[in-house]
PDB file of N, CA and C in Angstrom:
ATOM      1  N   MET A   1       7.888  52.462 -25.306  1.00  0.00           N
ATOM      2  CA  MET A   1       9.132  52.143 -24.434  1.00  0.00           C
ATOM      3  C   MET A   1       8.592  51.605 -23.138  1.00  0.00           C
ATOM      4  N   ARG A   2       9.280  50.663 -22.559  1.00  0.00           N
ATOM      5  CA  ARG A   2       8.865  49.947 -21.403  1.00  0.00           C
ATOM      6  C   ARG A   2       9.495  50.796 -20.218  1.00  0.00           C
ATOM      7  N   HIS A   3       8.626  51.209 -19.185  1.00  0.00           N
ATOM      8  CA  HIS A   3       9.040  51.750 -18.047  1.00  0.00           C
ATOM      9  C   HIS A   3       9.707  50.888 -17.140  1.00  0.00           C
ATOM     10  N   GLU A   4      10.832  51.328 -16.595  1.00  0.00           N
ATOM     11  CA  GLU A   4      11.603  50.318 -15.697  1.00  0.00           C
ATOM     12  C   GLU A   4      11.618  50.819 -14.395  1.00  0.00           C
ATOM     13  N   THR A   5      11.266  50.156 -13.374  1.00  0.00           N
ATOM     14  CA  THR A   5      11.453  50.469 -12.017  1.00  0.00           C
ATOM     15  C   THR A   5      12.290  49.559 -11.238  1.00  0.00           C
ATOM     16  N   ARG A   6      13.301  50.051 -10.550  1.00  0.00           N
ATOM     17  CA  ARG A   6      14.327  49.267  -9.904  1.00  0.00           C
ATOM     18  C   ARG A   6      13.665  48.659  -8.501  1.00  0.00           C
ATOM     19  N   GLN A   7      13.848  47.323  -8.384  1.00  0.00           N
ATOM     20  CA  GLN A   7      13.305  46.710  -7.149  1.00  0.00           C
ATOM     21  C   GLN A   7      14.224  46.899  -6.102  1.00  0.00           C
ATOM     22  N   ALA A   8      15.533  47.088  -6.275  1.00  0.00           N
ATOM     23  CA  ALA A   8      16.561  46.914  -5.266  1.00  0.00           C
ATOM     24  C   ALA A   8      17.638  47.933  -5.502  1.00  0.00           C
ATOM     25  N   THR A   9      18.446  48.326  -4.487  1.00  0.00           N
ATOM     26  CA  THR A   9      19.670  49.127  -4.766  1.00  0.00           C
ATOM     27  C   THR A   9      20.764  48.327  -5.378  1.00  0.00           C
ATOM     28  N   ARG A  10      21.284  49.004  -6.405  1.00  0.00           N
ATOM     29  CA  ARG A  10      22.490  48.239  -7.155  1.00  0.00           C
ATOM     30  C   ARG A  10      23.762  48.718  -6.781  1.00  0.00           C
ATOM     31  N   ARG A  11      24.784  47.965  -6.909  1.00  0.00           N
ATOM     32  CA  ARG A  11      26.110  48.207  -6.482  1.00  0.00           C
ATOM     33  C   ARG A  11      27.084  47.846  -7.581  1.00  0.00           C
ATOM     34  N   HIS A  12      28.054  48.702  -7.865  1.00  0.00           N
ATOM     35  CA  HIS A  12      29.034  48.271  -8.827  1.00  0.00           C
ATOM     36  C   HIS A  12      29.895  47.027  -8.349  1.00  0.00           C
ATOM     37  N   LEU A  13      30.161  46.245  -9.154  1.00  0.00           N
ATOM     38  CA  LEU A  13      30.876  44.933  -8.920  1.00  0.00           C
ATOM     39  C   LEU A  13      31.953  44.702  -9.897  1.00  0.00           C
ATOM     40  N   PRO A  14      33.274  45.014  -9.534  1.00  0.00           N
ATOM     41  CA  PRO A  14      34.320  44.775 -10.556  1.00  0.00           C
ATOM     42  C   PRO A  14      34.444  43.184 -10.666  1.00  0.00           C
ATOM     43  N   GLY A  15      34.743  42.713 -11.896  1.00  0.00           N
ATOM     44  CA  GLY A  15      35.047  41.332 -12.099  1.00  0.00           C
ATOM     45  C   GLY A  15      34.148  40.722 -13.167  1.00  0.00           C
ATOM     46  N   THR A  16      34.096  39.411 -13.156  1.00  0.00           N
ATOM     47  CA  THR A  16      33.281  38.634 -14.127  1.00  0.00           C
ATOM     48  C   THR A  16      32.347  37.671 -13.451  1.00  0.00           C
ATOM     49  N   ALA A  17      31.370  37.215 -14.225  1.00  0.00           N
ATOM     50  CA  ALA A  17      30.486  36.215 -13.607  1.00  0.00           C
ATOM     51  C   ALA A  17      30.633  35.031 -14.763  1.00  0.00           C
ATOM     52  N   VAL A  18      30.562  33.767 -14.304  1.00  0.00           N
ATOM     53  CA  VAL A  18      30.527  32.582 -15.221  1.00  0.00           C
ATOM     54  C   VAL A  18      29.165  32.141 -15.305  1.00  0.00           C
ATOM     55  N   LEU A  19      28.584  32.060 -16.449  1.00  0.00           N
ATOM     56  CA  LEU A  19      27.301  31.675 -16.755  1.00  0.00           C
ATOM     57  C   LEU A  19      27.504  30.369 -17.563  1.00  0.00           C
ATOM     58  N   ASP A  20      26.513  29.393 -17.394  1.00  0.00           N
ATOM     59  CA  ASP A  20      26.504  28.193 -18.052  1.00  0.00           C
ATOM     60  C   ASP A  20      24.972  27.668 -18.243  1.00  0.00           C
ATOM     61  N   ASP A  21      24.789  27.439 -19.532  1.00  0.00           N
ATOM     62  CA  ASP A  21      23.316  27.073 -19.796  1.00  0.00           C
ATOM     63  C   ASP A  21      23.391  25.647 -20.316  1.00  0.00           C
ATOM     64  N   GLY A  22      24.451  24.909 -20.064  1.00  0.00           N
ATOM     65  CA  GLY A  22      24.605  23.537 -20.260  1.00  0.00           C
ATOM     66  C   GLY A  22      25.328  23.313 -21.589  1.00  0.00           C
ATOM     67  N   ASP A  23      25.755  24.462 -22.234  1.00  0.00           N
ATOM     68  CA  ASP A  23      26.649  24.339 -23.417  1.00  0.00           C
ATOM     69  C   ASP A  23      28.141  24.639 -23.239  1.00  0.00           C
ATOM     70  N   GLY A  24      28.272  24.911 -21.964  1.00  0.00           N
ATOM     71  CA  GLY A  24      29.732  25.180 -21.552  1.00  0.00           C
ATOM     72  C   GLY A  24      29.769  26.547 -20.959  1.00  0.00           C
ATOM     73  N   PRO A  25      30.712  26.976 -20.047  1.00  0.00           N
ATOM     74  CA  PRO A  25      30.814  28.172 -19.352  1.00  0.00           C
ATOM     75  C   PRO A  25      31.177  29.335 -20.227  1.00  0.00           C
ATOM     76  N   VAL A  26      30.747  30.565 -19.906  1.00  0.00           N
ATOM     77  CA  VAL A  26      31.118  31.835 -20.593  1.00  0.00           C
ATOM     78  C   VAL A  26      31.301  32.700 -19.388  1.00  0.00           C
ATOM     79  N   ALA A  27      32.503  33.445 -19.582  1.00  0.00           N
ATOM     80  CA  ALA A  27      32.699  34.460 -18.498  1.00  0.00           C
ATOM     81  C   ALA A  27      32.415  36.046 -19.103  1.00  0.00           C
ATOM     82  N   LEU A  28      31.590  36.732 -18.352  1.00  0.00           N
ATOM     83  CA  LEU A  28      31.146  38.024 -18.839  1.00  0.00           C
ATOM     84  C   LEU A  28      31.484  39.037 -17.703  1.00  0.00           C
ATOM     85  N   PRO A  29      31.752  40.285 -18.065  1.00  0.00           N
ATOM     86  CA  PRO A  29      31.943  41.289 -17.156  1.00  0.00           C
ATOM     87  C   PRO A  29      30.573  41.773 -16.455  1.00  0.00           C
ATOM     88  N   VAL A  30      30.811  41.832 -15.120  1.00  0.00           N
ATOM     89  CA  VAL A  30      29.615  42.342 -14.260  1.00  0.00           C
ATOM     90  C   VAL A  30      29.676  43.873 -14.197  1.00  0.00           C
ATOM     91  N   LEU A  31      28.568  44.435 -14.493  1.00  0.00           N
ATOM     92  CA  LEU A  31      28.456  45.938 -14.286  1.00  0.00           C
ATOM     93  C   LEU A  31      27.892  46.309 -12.893  1.00  0.00           C
ATOM     94  N   ASP A  32      26.929  45.527 -12.412  1.00  0.00           N
ATOM     95  CA  ASP A  32      26.348  45.853 -11.175  1.00  0.00           C
ATOM     96  C   ASP A  32      25.652  44.700 -10.520  1.00  0.00           C
ATOM     97  N   VAL A  33      25.359  44.683  -9.277  1.00  0.00           N
ATOM     98  CA  VAL A  33      24.565  43.662  -8.647  1.00  0.00           C
ATOM     99  C   VAL A  33      23.775  44.097  -7.655  1.00  0.00           C
ATOM    100  N   SER A  34      22.590  43.507  -7.359  1.00  0.00           N
ATOM    101  CA  SER A  34      21.726  43.832  -6.283  1.00  0.00           C
ATOM    102  C   SER A  34      21.283  42.378  -5.630  1.00  0.00           C
ATOM    103  N   HIS A  35      20.574  42.464  -4.552  1.00  0.00           N
ATOM    104  CA  HIS A  35      20.083  41.226  -3.882  1.00  0.00           C
ATOM    105  C   HIS A  35      19.138  40.424  -4.793  1.00  0.00           C
ATOM    106  N   SER A  36      18.687  41.130  -5.983  1.00  0.00           N
ATOM    107  CA  SER A  36      17.769  40.239  -6.827  1.00  0.00           C
ATOM    108  C   SER A  36      18.610  39.852  -8.257  1.00  0.00           C
ATOM    109  N   GLY A  37      19.750  40.373  -8.456  1.00  0.00           N
ATOM    110  CA  GLY A  37      20.380  39.947  -9.704  1.00  0.00           C
ATOM    111  C   GLY A  37      21.494  40.782 -10.208  1.00  0.00           C
ATOM    112  N   LEU A  38      21.935  40.508 -11.485  1.00  0.00           N
ATOM    113  CA  LEU A  38      23.188  41.114 -11.919  1.00  0.00           C
ATOM    114  C   LEU A  38      22.747  41.752 -13.355  1.00  0.00           C
ATOM    115  N   PHE A  39      23.608  42.797 -13.720  1.00  0.00           N
ATOM    116  CA  PHE A  39      23.537  43.266 -15.032  1.00  0.00           C
ATOM    117  C   PHE A  39      25.024  42.970 -15.578  1.00  0.00           C
ATOM    118  N   LEU A  40      24.995  42.219 -16.691  1.00  0.00           N
ATOM    119  CA  LEU A  40      26.159  41.850 -17.338  1.00  0.00           C
ATOM    120  C   LEU A  40      26.434  42.349 -18.742  1.00  0.00           C
ATOM    121  N   ARG A  41      27.540  42.833 -19.070  1.00  0.00           N
ATOM    122  CA  ARG A  41      27.940  43.354 -20.272  1.00  0.00           C
ATOM    123  C   ARG A  41      28.305  42.303 -21.262  1.00  0.00           C
ATOM    124  N   SER A  42      27.548  42.281 -22.346  1.00  0.00           N
ATOM    125  CA  SER A  42      27.941  41.297 -23.434  1.00  0.00           C
ATOM    126  C   SER A  42      27.295  41.779 -24.801  1.00  0.00           C
ATOM    127  N   ASP A  43      28.127  41.484 -25.905  1.00  0.00           N
ATOM    128  CA  ASP A  43      27.729  41.826 -27.165  1.00  0.00           C
ATOM    129  C   ASP A  43      26.778  40.738 -27.734  1.00  0.00           C
ATOM    130  N   LEU A  44      26.802  39.536 -27.172  1.00  0.00           N
ATOM    131  CA  LEU A  44      25.790  38.538 -27.624  1.00  0.00           C
ATOM    132  C   LEU A  44      24.865  38.475 -26.656  1.00  0.00           C
ATOM    133  N   LEU A  45      23.666  38.707 -27.114  1.00  0.00           N
ATOM    134  CA  LEU A  45      22.592  38.743 -26.137  1.00  0.00           C
ATOM    135  C   LEU A  45      21.614  37.563 -26.160  1.00  0.00           C
ATOM    136  N   PRO A  46      21.359  37.132 -24.966  1.00  0.00           N
ATOM    137  CA  PRO A  46      20.359  36.046 -24.961  1.00  0.00           C
ATOM    138  C   PRO A  46      18.887  36.537 -25.008  1.00  0.00           C
ATOM    139  N   GLU A  47      18.046  35.427 -25.092  1.00  0.00           N
ATOM    140  CA  GLU A  47      16.651  35.774 -25.122  1.00  0.00           C
ATOM    141  C   GLU A  47      16.120  36.014 -23.729  1.00  0.00           C
ATOM    142  N   GLU A  48      15.098  36.836 -23.470  1.00  0.00           N
ATOM    143  CA  GLU A  48      14.414  36.843 -22.214  1.00  0.00           C
ATOM    144  C   GLU A  48      13.924  35.506 -21.847  1.00  0.00           C
ATOM    145  N   GLY A  49      14.021  35.126 -20.581  1.00  0.00           N
ATOM    146  CA  GLY A  49      13.459  33.864 -20.129  1.00  0.00           C
ATOM    147  C   GLY A  49      14.673  32.742 -20.134  1.00  0.00           C
ATOM    148  N   GLU A  50      15.670  32.919 -20.941  1.00  0.00           N
ATOM    149  CA  GLU A  50      16.730  32.003 -20.783  1.00  0.00           C
ATOM    150  C   GLU A  50      17.273  31.739 -19.469  1.00  0.00           C
ATOM    151  N   ARG A  51      17.715  30.579 -18.991  1.00  0.00           N
ATOM    152  CA  ARG A  51      18.243  30.365 -17.600  1.00  0.00           C
ATOM    153  C   ARG A  51      19.654  30.006 -17.737  1.00  0.00           C
ATOM    154  N   PHE A  52      20.329  30.424 -16.686  1.00  0.00           N
ATOM    155  CA  PHE A  52      21.845  30.008 -16.575  1.00  0.00           C
ATOM    156  C   PHE A  52      22.193  29.696 -15.141  1.00  0.00           C
ATOM    157  N   ALA A  53      23.166  28.634 -15.004  1.00  0.00           N
ATOM    158  CA  ALA A  53      23.888  28.584 -13.777  1.00  0.00           C
ATOM    159  C   ALA A  53      24.744  29.709 -13.624  1.00  0.00           C
ATOM    160  N   VAL A  54      24.881  30.370 -12.587  1.00  0.00           N
ATOM    161  CA  VAL A  54      25.786  31.566 -12.401  1.00  0.00           C
ATOM    162  C   VAL A  54      26.628  31.381 -11.186  1.00  0.00           C
ATOM    163  N   ARG A  55      27.930  31.994 -11.439  1.00  0.00           N
ATOM    164  CA  ARG A  55      28.873  31.982 -10.300  1.00  0.00           C
ATOM    165  C   ARG A  55      29.704  33.132 -10.454  1.00  0.00           C
ATOM    166  N   PHE A  56      29.952  33.848  -9.301  1.00  0.00           N
ATOM    167  CA  PHE A  56      30.956  34.889  -9.272  1.00  0.00           C
ATOM    168  C   PHE A  56      31.390  35.279  -7.851  1.00  0.00           C
ATOM    169  N   ALA A  57      32.536  35.952  -7.915  1.00  0.00           N
ATOM    170  CA  ALA A  57      33.281  36.131  -6.558  1.00  0.00           C
ATOM    171  C   ALA A  57      32.906  37.649  -6.130  1.00  0.00           C
ATOM    172  N   LEU A  58      32.867  37.752  -4.880  1.00  0.00           N
ATOM    173  CA  LEU A  58      32.651  39.073  -4.230  1.00  0.00           C
ATOM    174  C   LEU A  58      34.141  39.633  -3.953  1.00  0.00           C
ATOM    175  N   PRO A  59      34.300  40.887  -3.955  1.00  0.00           N
ATOM    176  CA  PRO A  59      35.687  41.457  -3.789  1.00  0.00           C
ATOM    177  C   PRO A  59      36.139  41.196  -2.313  1.00  0.00           C
ATOM    178  N   GLN A  60      37.508  41.338  -2.031  1.00  0.00           N
ATOM    179  CA  GLN A  60      38.077  41.388  -0.752  1.00  0.00           C
ATOM    180  C   GLN A  60      37.709  40.154  -0.018  1.00  0.00           C
ATOM    181  N   GLY A  61      37.787  38.887  -0.600  1.00  0.00           N
ATOM    182  CA  GLY A  61      37.504  37.777   0.038  1.00  0.00           C
ATOM    183  C   GLY A  61      36.140  37.515   0.595  1.00  0.00           C
ATOM    184  N   GLY A  62      35.030  38.238  -0.065  1.00  0.00           N
ATOM    185  CA  GLY A  62      33.707  38.226   0.395  1.00  0.00           C
ATOM    186  C   GLY A  62      32.947  36.893   0.105  1.00  0.00           C
ATOM    187  N   GLY A  63      33.583  36.097  -0.518  1.00  0.00           N
ATOM    188  CA  GLY A  63      32.984  34.795  -0.837  1.00  0.00           C
ATOM    189  C   GLY A  63      32.584  34.596  -2.298  1.00  0.00           C
ATOM    190  N   GLU A  64      32.251  33.424  -2.642  1.00  0.00           N
ATOM    191  CA  GLU A  64      31.647  33.204  -4.016  1.00  0.00           C
ATOM    192  C   GLU A  64      30.240  32.989  -4.003  1.00  0.00           C
ATOM    193  N   ILE A  65      29.439  33.593  -4.957  1.00  0.00           N
ATOM    194  CA  ILE A  65      28.070  33.526  -5.035  1.00  0.00           C
ATOM    195  C   ILE A  65      27.880  32.534  -5.998  1.00  0.00           C
ATOM    196  N   VAL A  66      26.922  31.477  -5.845  1.00  0.00           N
ATOM    197  CA  VAL A  66      26.532  30.368  -6.702  1.00  0.00           C
ATOM    198  C   VAL A  66      24.889  30.324  -6.794  1.00  0.00           C
ATOM    199  N   GLY A  67      24.460  30.229  -7.924  1.00  0.00           N
ATOM    200  CA  GLY A  67      23.047  29.954  -7.964  1.00  0.00           C
ATOM    201  C   GLY A  67      22.586  29.826  -9.499  1.00  0.00           C
ATOM    202  N   GLU A  68      21.289  30.027  -9.638  1.00  0.00           N
ATOM    203  CA  GLU A  68      20.657  29.941 -11.044  1.00  0.00           C
ATOM    204  C   GLU A  68      19.990  31.413 -11.180  1.00  0.00           C
ATOM    205  N   GLY A  69      19.904  31.766 -12.453  1.00  0.00           N
ATOM    206  CA  GLY A  69      19.317  33.024 -12.901  1.00  0.00           C
ATOM    207  C   GLY A  69      18.524  32.969 -14.115  1.00  0.00           C
ATOM    208  N   GLU A  70      17.628  33.977 -14.427  1.00  0.00           N
ATOM    209  CA  GLU A  70      16.946  33.970 -15.692  1.00  0.00           C
ATOM    210  C   GLU A  70      17.048  35.529 -16.191  1.00  0.00           C
ATOM    211  N   VAL A  71      17.258  35.496 -17.686  1.00  0.00           N
ATOM    212  CA  VAL A  71      17.375  36.732 -18.262  1.00  0.00           C
ATOM    213  C   VAL A  71      15.993  37.397 -18.074  1.00  0.00           C
ATOM    214  N   VAL A  72      15.970  38.710 -17.687  1.00  0.00           N
ATOM    215  CA  VAL A  72      14.670  39.443 -17.511  1.00  0.00           C
ATOM    216  C   VAL A  72      14.747  40.788 -18.443  1.00  0.00           C
ATOM    217  N   ARG A  73      15.965  41.175 -18.899  1.00  0.00           N
ATOM    218  CA  ARG A  73      16.084  42.315 -19.609  1.00  0.00           C
ATOM    219  C   ARG A  73      17.260  42.272 -20.444  1.00  0.00           C
ATOM    220  N   VAL A  74      17.104  42.596 -21.754  1.00  0.00           N
ATOM    221  CA  VAL A  74      18.125  42.693 -22.710  1.00  0.00           C
ATOM    222  C   VAL A  74      18.180  43.947 -23.312  1.00  0.00           C
ATOM    223  N   GLN A  75      19.400  44.639 -23.405  1.00  0.00           N
ATOM    224  CA  GLN A  75      19.554  45.959 -23.818  1.00  0.00           C
ATOM    225  C   GLN A  75      20.647  46.088 -24.956  1.00  0.00           C
ATOM    226  N   GLY A  76      20.380  46.525 -26.086  1.00  0.00           N
ATOM    227  CA  GLY A  76      21.358  46.712 -27.080  1.00  0.00           C
ATOM    228  C   GLY A  76      22.131  47.974 -26.669  1.00  0.00           C
ATOM    229  N   VAL A  77      22.981  48.431 -27.619  1.00  0.00           N
ATOM    230  CA  VAL A  77      23.563  49.834 -27.485  1.00  0.00           C
ATOM    231  C   VAL A  77      22.539  50.880 -27.288  1.00  0.00           C
ATOM    232  N   LEU A  78      22.554  51.685 -26.411  1.00  0.00           N
ATOM    233  CA  LEU A  78      21.461  52.579 -26.040  1.00  0.00           C
ATOM    234  C   LEU A  78      22.008  53.992 -25.724  1.00  0.00           C
ATOM    235  N   ARG A  79      21.418  55.069 -26.335  1.00  0.00           N
ATOM    236  CA  ARG A  79      21.923  56.382 -25.969  1.00  0.00           C
ATOM    237  C   ARG A  79      20.880  57.151 -25.137  1.00  0.00           C
ATOM    238  N   ASP A  80      21.550  57.532 -24.030  1.00  0.00           N
ATOM    239  CA  ASP A  80      20.678  58.265 -23.004  1.00  0.00           C
ATOM    240  C   ASP A  80      20.177  59.679 -23.511  1.00  0.00           C
ATOM    241  N   PRO A  81      18.882  59.809 -23.654  1.00  0.00           N
ATOM    242  CA  PRO A  81      18.320  60.981 -24.360  1.00  0.00           C
ATOM    243  C   PRO A  81      18.673  62.216 -23.719  1.00  0.00           C
ATOM    244  N   ARG A  82      18.923  62.140 -22.185  1.00  0.00           N
ATOM    245  CA  ARG A  82      19.189  63.321 -21.537  1.00  0.00           C
ATOM    246  C   ARG A  82      20.710  63.814 -21.702  1.00  0.00           C
ATOM    247  N   THR A  83      21.459  62.746 -21.600  1.00  0.00           N
ATOM    248  CA  THR A  83      22.980  63.099 -21.643  1.00  0.00           C
ATOM    249  C   THR A  83      23.737  62.865 -22.908  1.00  0.00           C
ATOM    250  N   GLY A  84      23.046  61.996 -23.803  1.00  0.00           N
ATOM    251  CA  GLY A  84      23.779  61.660 -25.015  1.00  0.00           C
ATOM    252  C   GLY A  84      24.712  60.585 -24.930  1.00  0.00           C
ATOM    253  N   ARG A  85      24.914  60.068 -23.654  1.00  0.00           N
ATOM    254  CA  ARG A  85      25.880  59.060 -23.400  1.00  0.00           C
ATOM    255  C   ARG A  85      25.451  57.609 -23.952  1.00  0.00           C
ATOM    256  N   LEU A  86      26.460  56.992 -24.422  1.00  0.00           N
ATOM    257  CA  LEU A  86      26.229  55.605 -24.802  1.00  0.00           C
ATOM    258  C   LEU A  86      26.264  54.585 -23.671  1.00  0.00           C
ATOM    259  N   HIS A  87      25.312  53.693 -23.745  1.00  0.00           N
ATOM    260  CA  HIS A  87      25.323  52.737 -22.697  1.00  0.00           C
ATOM    261  C   HIS A  87      25.614  51.385 -23.428  1.00  0.00           C
ATOM    262  N   CYS A  88      26.433  50.521 -22.879  1.00  0.00           N
ATOM    263  CA  CYS A  88      26.996  49.365 -23.657  1.00  0.00           C
ATOM    264  C   CYS A  88      25.775  48.222 -23.608  1.00  0.00           C
ATOM    265  N   PRO A  89      25.794  47.324 -24.526  1.00  0.00           N
ATOM    266  CA  PRO A  89      24.901  46.279 -24.520  1.00  0.00           C
ATOM    267  C   PRO A  89      25.035  45.206 -23.356  1.00  0.00           C
ATOM    268  N   GLY A  90      24.076  44.617 -22.974  1.00  0.00           N
ATOM    269  CA  GLY A  90      24.097  43.615 -21.893  1.00  0.00           C
ATOM    270  C   GLY A  90      22.742  43.189 -21.548  1.00  0.00           C
ATOM    271  N   PHE A  91      22.683  42.519 -20.564  1.00  0.00           N
ATOM    272  CA  PHE A  91      21.522  41.859 -20.022  1.00  0.00           C
ATOM    273  C   PHE A  91      21.418  41.723 -18.530  1.00  0.00           C
ATOM    274  N   GLY A  92      20.152  41.921 -17.951  1.00  0.00           N
ATOM    275  CA  GLY A  92      19.760  41.647 -16.558  1.00  0.00           C
ATOM    276  C   GLY A  92      19.441  40.205 -16.363  1.00  0.00           C
ATOM    277  N   LEU A  93      20.040  39.735 -15.286  1.00  0.00           N
ATOM    278  CA  LEU A  93      19.811  38.250 -14.936  1.00  0.00           C
ATOM    279  C   LEU A  93      19.324  38.373 -13.387  1.00  0.00           C
ATOM    280  N   ARG A  94      18.105  37.742 -13.330  1.00  0.00           N
ATOM    281  CA  ARG A  94      17.369  37.760 -12.016  1.00  0.00           C
ATOM    282  C   ARG A  94      17.783  36.516 -11.284  1.00  0.00           C
ATOM    283  N   PHE A  95      18.280  36.482 -10.054  1.00  0.00           N
ATOM    284  CA  PHE A  95      18.423  35.224  -9.417  1.00  0.00           C
ATOM    285  C   PHE A  95      17.272  34.702  -9.116  1.00  0.00           C
ATOM    286  N   LEU A  96      17.170  33.359  -9.360  1.00  0.00           N
ATOM    287  CA  LEU A  96      15.950  32.327  -9.168  1.00  0.00           C
ATOM    288  C   LEU A  96      16.200  31.647  -7.867  1.00  0.00           C
ATOM    289  N   CYS A  97      17.511  31.323  -7.656  1.00  0.00           N
ATOM    290  CA  CYS A  97      17.966  30.865  -6.386  1.00  0.00           C
ATOM    291  C   CYS A  97      19.439  30.964  -6.202  1.00  0.00           C
ATOM    292  N   LEU A  98      19.825  30.949  -4.816  1.00  0.00           N
ATOM    293  CA  LEU A  98      21.235  31.246  -4.567  1.00  0.00           C
ATOM    294  C   LEU A  98      21.573  29.922  -3.647  1.00  0.00           C
ATOM    295  N   THR A  99      22.673  29.403  -3.769  1.00  0.00           N
ATOM    296  CA  THR A  99      22.978  28.121  -2.923  1.00  0.00           C
ATOM    297  C   THR A  99      23.816  28.390  -1.702  1.00  0.00           C
ATOM    298  N   GLY A 100      23.884  27.415  -0.742  1.00  0.00           N
ATOM    299  CA  GLY A 100      24.763  27.529   0.302  1.00  0.00           C
ATOM    300  C   GLY A 100      24.700  28.912   0.995  1.00  0.00           C
ATOM    301  N   ASP A 101      25.788  29.518   1.343  1.00  0.00           N
ATOM    302  CA  ASP A 101      25.747  30.857   2.052  1.00  0.00           C
ATOM    303  C   ASP A 101      25.751  32.032   1.119  1.00  0.00           C
ATOM    304  N   SER A 102      25.484  31.732  -0.188  1.00  0.00           N
ATOM    305  CA  SER A 102      25.491  32.754  -1.103  1.00  0.00           C
ATOM    306  C   SER A 102      24.470  33.966  -0.850  1.00  0.00           C
ATOM    307  N   ALA A 103      23.268  33.776  -0.399  1.00  0.00           N
ATOM    308  CA  ALA A 103      22.374  34.838  -0.058  1.00  0.00           C
ATOM    309  C   ALA A 103      22.973  35.791   1.129  1.00  0.00           C
ATOM    310  N   ARG A 104      23.464  35.059   2.086  1.00  0.00           N
ATOM    311  CA  ARG A 104      24.031  35.842   3.209  1.00  0.00           C
ATOM    312  C   ARG A 104      25.311  36.628   2.760  1.00  0.00           C
ATOM    313  N   GLN A 105      26.169  36.107   2.079  1.00  0.00           N
ATOM    314  CA  GLN A 105      27.418  36.745   1.638  1.00  0.00           C
ATOM    315  C   GLN A 105      27.032  37.997   0.798  1.00  0.00           C
ATOM    316  N   LEU A 106      26.106  37.784  -0.159  1.00  0.00           N
ATOM    317  CA  LEU A 106      25.716  38.842  -0.978  1.00  0.00           C
ATOM    318  C   LEU A 106      25.044  39.902  -0.228  1.00  0.00           C
ATOM    319  N   GLN A 107      24.268  39.615   0.872  1.00  0.00           N
ATOM    320  CA  GLN A 107      23.516  40.562   1.480  1.00  0.00           C
ATOM    321  C   GLN A 107      24.642  41.479   2.395  1.00  0.00           C
ATOM    322  N   GLY A 108      25.805  40.717   2.896  1.00  0.00           N
ATOM    323  CA  GLY A 108      26.796  41.447   3.672  1.00  0.00           C
ATOM    324  C   GLY A 108      27.599  42.363   2.625  1.00  0.00           C
ATOM    325  N   PHE A 109      27.760  42.029   1.262  1.00  0.00           N
ATOM    326  CA  PHE A 109      28.459  42.846   0.356  1.00  0.00           C
ATOM    327  C   PHE A 109      27.521  44.033   0.274  1.00  0.00           C
ATOM    328  N   LEU A 110      26.234  43.948  -0.006  1.00  0.00           N
ATOM    329  CA  LEU A 110      25.377  45.035  -0.302  1.00  0.00           C
ATOM    330  C   LEU A 110      25.035  46.095   0.849  1.00  0.00           C
ATOM    331  N   GLN A 111      25.312  45.659   1.961  1.00  0.00           N
ATOM    332  CA  GLN A 111      25.092  46.480   3.186  1.00  0.00           C
ATOM    333  C   GLN A 111      25.973  47.755   3.240  1.00  0.00           C
TER     334      GLN A 111
END
């Protein structure tokens, strides 16, 4: 089992992100966000290393975040051994770059 350490504080983000790998856009629910990336809920799981253009809106008019990301973690349905709770499938997308004011807007949301 791989030991996972968080690099940044994560925050719940209601809404969806639109990902595009060149084959057309796909909207996926966002579970949480940090300054380094997103965790997205998805039954169809990409391969680690896949890259996507990504776009999502921050709540309360906080702006739109636009950039590129890479899949760094893929999780199938998982049962927490401590609580017995099921965790939904999805994947972690690390931001490779954010364009325009995206980094500043995201930082403002995370503070």
